[in-house]
Amino acid sequence: MFPGINPKQMEKAMRQMGIQSEKIDAEEVIIKTATKKIVISNPDVTKVKMAGQETFQIAGEISEEEAEEKTSFTQDDVEMVMEQTGSDEKTVMDKLKENNGDIAKTILELKED
C-alpha cells in the first residue's frame, strides 16, 4: 500500500484508527453501467470498514465491453401483440422497446396506425 512501510505495522496502525481491512479472494469483478460493462480480471480486492462504511479497493486487469441491451418483454408478449394487431415481429419489437415493454400501450398505438 505505502512503499517502505511494514504491512504488519500498517495494519496495526489502521486497527488503532478503527479501520478494518479484509482481503477478498475474488476471481473477477464486474461493474455494470447503463452503457458499458467494466470487467476486472485477476483482481486484488480489499474490503475496508471505516466509520460505519464499507468500501472496496480493486486493482487488476481492466477491460470494457458494451452493455447488453435489456428487454422488458418476452417472445410470448411479442407474439400476443402480433396476433392482436396483425403487425410484423420487427414492428412489434421496436414499438415494445419504445414503450418500455408496455403491452397495452403498444397494442393501442399499433391499432391506431
Protein backbone atom coordinates (compact mmCIF):
# COMPACT_ATOMS: atom_id res chain seq x y z
CA MET A 1 0.00 0.00 0.00
CA PHE A 2 2.68 2.51 1.07
CA PRO A 3 6.24 1.82 -0.09
CA GLY A 4 8.80 1.28 2.67
CA ILE A 5 6.22 0.63 5.42
CA ASN A 6 5.95 -2.77 7.04
CA PRO A 7 2.49 -4.21 6.18
CA LYS A 8 2.03 -5.51 9.75
CA GLN A 9 2.77 -2.05 11.20
CA MET A 10 0.34 -0.51 8.71
CA GLU A 11 -2.38 -3.00 9.69
CA LYS A 12 -1.80 -2.28 13.40
CA ALA A 13 -1.99 1.49 12.84
CA MET A 14 -5.20 1.09 10.83
CA ARG A 15 -6.79 -1.01 13.60
CA GLN A 16 -5.87 1.67 16.15
CA MET A 17 -7.73 4.22 13.99
CA GLY A 18 -10.78 1.94 13.83
CA ILE A 19 -10.15 0.86 10.26
CA GLN A 20 -10.58 -2.83 9.44
CA SER A 21 -9.46 -4.37 6.18
CA GLU A 22 -10.09 -7.80 4.76
CA LYS A 23 -8.71 -9.42 1.61
CA ILE A 24 -11.40 -10.86 -0.67
CA ASP A 25 -10.49 -13.91 -2.76
CA ALA A 26 -12.21 -12.84 -6.00
CA GLU A 27 -11.79 -14.33 -9.45
CA GLU A 28 -13.39 -11.47 -11.39
CA VAL A 29 -15.11 -8.15 -10.66
CA ILE A 30 -17.83 -6.82 -12.99
CA ILE A 31 -19.17 -3.27 -12.84
CA LYS A 32 -22.27 -2.67 -14.98
CA THR A 33 -23.29 0.80 -16.10
CA ALA A 34 -26.08 1.84 -18.44
CA THR A 35 -23.75 1.89 -21.43
CA LYS A 36 -20.90 -0.49 -20.67
CA LYS A 37 -19.60 -3.33 -18.55
CA ILE A 38 -16.19 -2.99 -16.86
CA VAL A 39 -14.53 -6.36 -16.23
CA ILE A 40 -11.56 -6.61 -13.86
CA SER A 41 -9.72 -9.91 -14.24
CA ASN A 42 -7.24 -11.32 -11.70
CA PRO A 43 -8.38 -8.72 -9.17
CA ASP A 44 -6.72 -7.79 -5.90
CA VAL A 45 -9.76 -6.88 -3.77
CA THR A 46 -9.68 -5.42 -0.27
CA LYS A 47 -12.80 -4.64 1.78
CA VAL A 48 -12.25 -1.68 4.12
CA LYS A 49 -14.57 -0.85 7.04
CA MET A 50 -14.20 2.66 8.42
CA ALA A 51 -16.60 4.96 10.28
CA GLY A 52 -19.53 2.62 9.69
CA GLN A 53 -18.94 2.50 5.93
CA GLU A 54 -17.72 -0.41 3.83
CA THR A 55 -15.70 0.29 0.70
CA PHE A 56 -13.82 -1.91 -1.72
CA GLN A 57 -10.42 -1.27 -3.24
CA ILE A 58 -9.92 -3.13 -6.51
CA ALA A 59 -6.87 -3.45 -8.74
CA GLY A 60 -6.40 -5.77 -11.71
CA GLU A 61 -6.51 -6.18 -15.47
CA ILE A 62 -9.31 -3.93 -16.78
CA SER A 63 -11.33 -4.40 -19.96
CA GLU A 64 -14.56 -2.77 -21.13
CA GLU A 65 -17.48 -4.18 -23.08
CA GLU A 66 -20.65 -2.60 -24.41
CA ALA A 67 -23.67 -3.22 -22.20
CA GLU A 68 -26.17 -5.78 -23.42
CA GLU A 69 -29.49 -4.36 -24.48
CA LYS A 70 -32.14 -5.29 -21.92
CA THR A 71 -35.71 -6.01 -22.90
CA SER A 72 -38.64 -5.87 -20.53
CA PHE A 73 -40.80 -8.22 -22.58
CA THR A 74 -40.76 -11.85 -23.70
CA GLN A 75 -41.21 -13.58 -27.03
CA ASP A 76 -44.71 -14.58 -25.85
CA ASP A 77 -45.50 -10.87 -25.39
CA VAL A 78 -44.32 -10.17 -28.94
CA GLU A 79 -46.45 -12.98 -30.37
CA MET A 80 -49.53 -11.83 -28.45
CA VAL A 81 -49.16 -8.25 -29.73
CA MET A 82 -48.65 -9.57 -33.27
CA GLU A 83 -51.89 -11.56 -33.00
CA GLN A 84 -53.82 -8.58 -31.58
CA THR A 85 -52.56 -6.03 -34.11
CA GLY A 86 -51.65 -8.00 -37.22
CA SER A 87 -48.22 -6.28 -37.18
CA ASP A 88 -44.97 -8.00 -38.09
CA GLU A 89 -42.43 -9.06 -35.46
CA LYS A 90 -39.90 -6.28 -36.10
CA THR A 91 -42.56 -3.56 -35.86
CA VAL A 92 -43.91 -5.05 -32.63
CA MET A 93 -40.45 -5.39 -31.06
CA ASP A 94 -39.49 -1.82 -32.00
CA LYS A 95 -42.74 -0.46 -30.55
CA LEU A 96 -42.39 -2.54 -27.35
CA LYS A 97 -38.85 -1.21 -26.87
CA GLU A 98 -40.10 2.34 -27.46
CA ASN A 99 -42.82 1.77 -24.83
CA ASN A 100 -40.51 0.04 -22.32
CA GLY A 101 -42.43 -3.24 -22.61
CA ASP A 102 -45.87 -1.71 -22.01
CA ILE A 103 -48.02 -4.25 -23.90
CA ALA A 104 -51.34 -2.42 -23.65
CA LYS A 105 -49.89 0.87 -24.87
CA THR A 106 -48.13 -0.93 -27.72
CA ILE A 107 -51.35 -2.66 -28.84
CA LEU A 108 -53.28 0.61 -28.75
CA GLU A 109 -50.63 2.51 -30.71
CA LEU A 110 -50.27 -0.21 -33.35
CA LYS A 111 -54.05 -0.45 -33.80
CA GLU A 112 -54.18 3.34 -34.37
CA ASP A 113 -51.64 3.14 -37.22
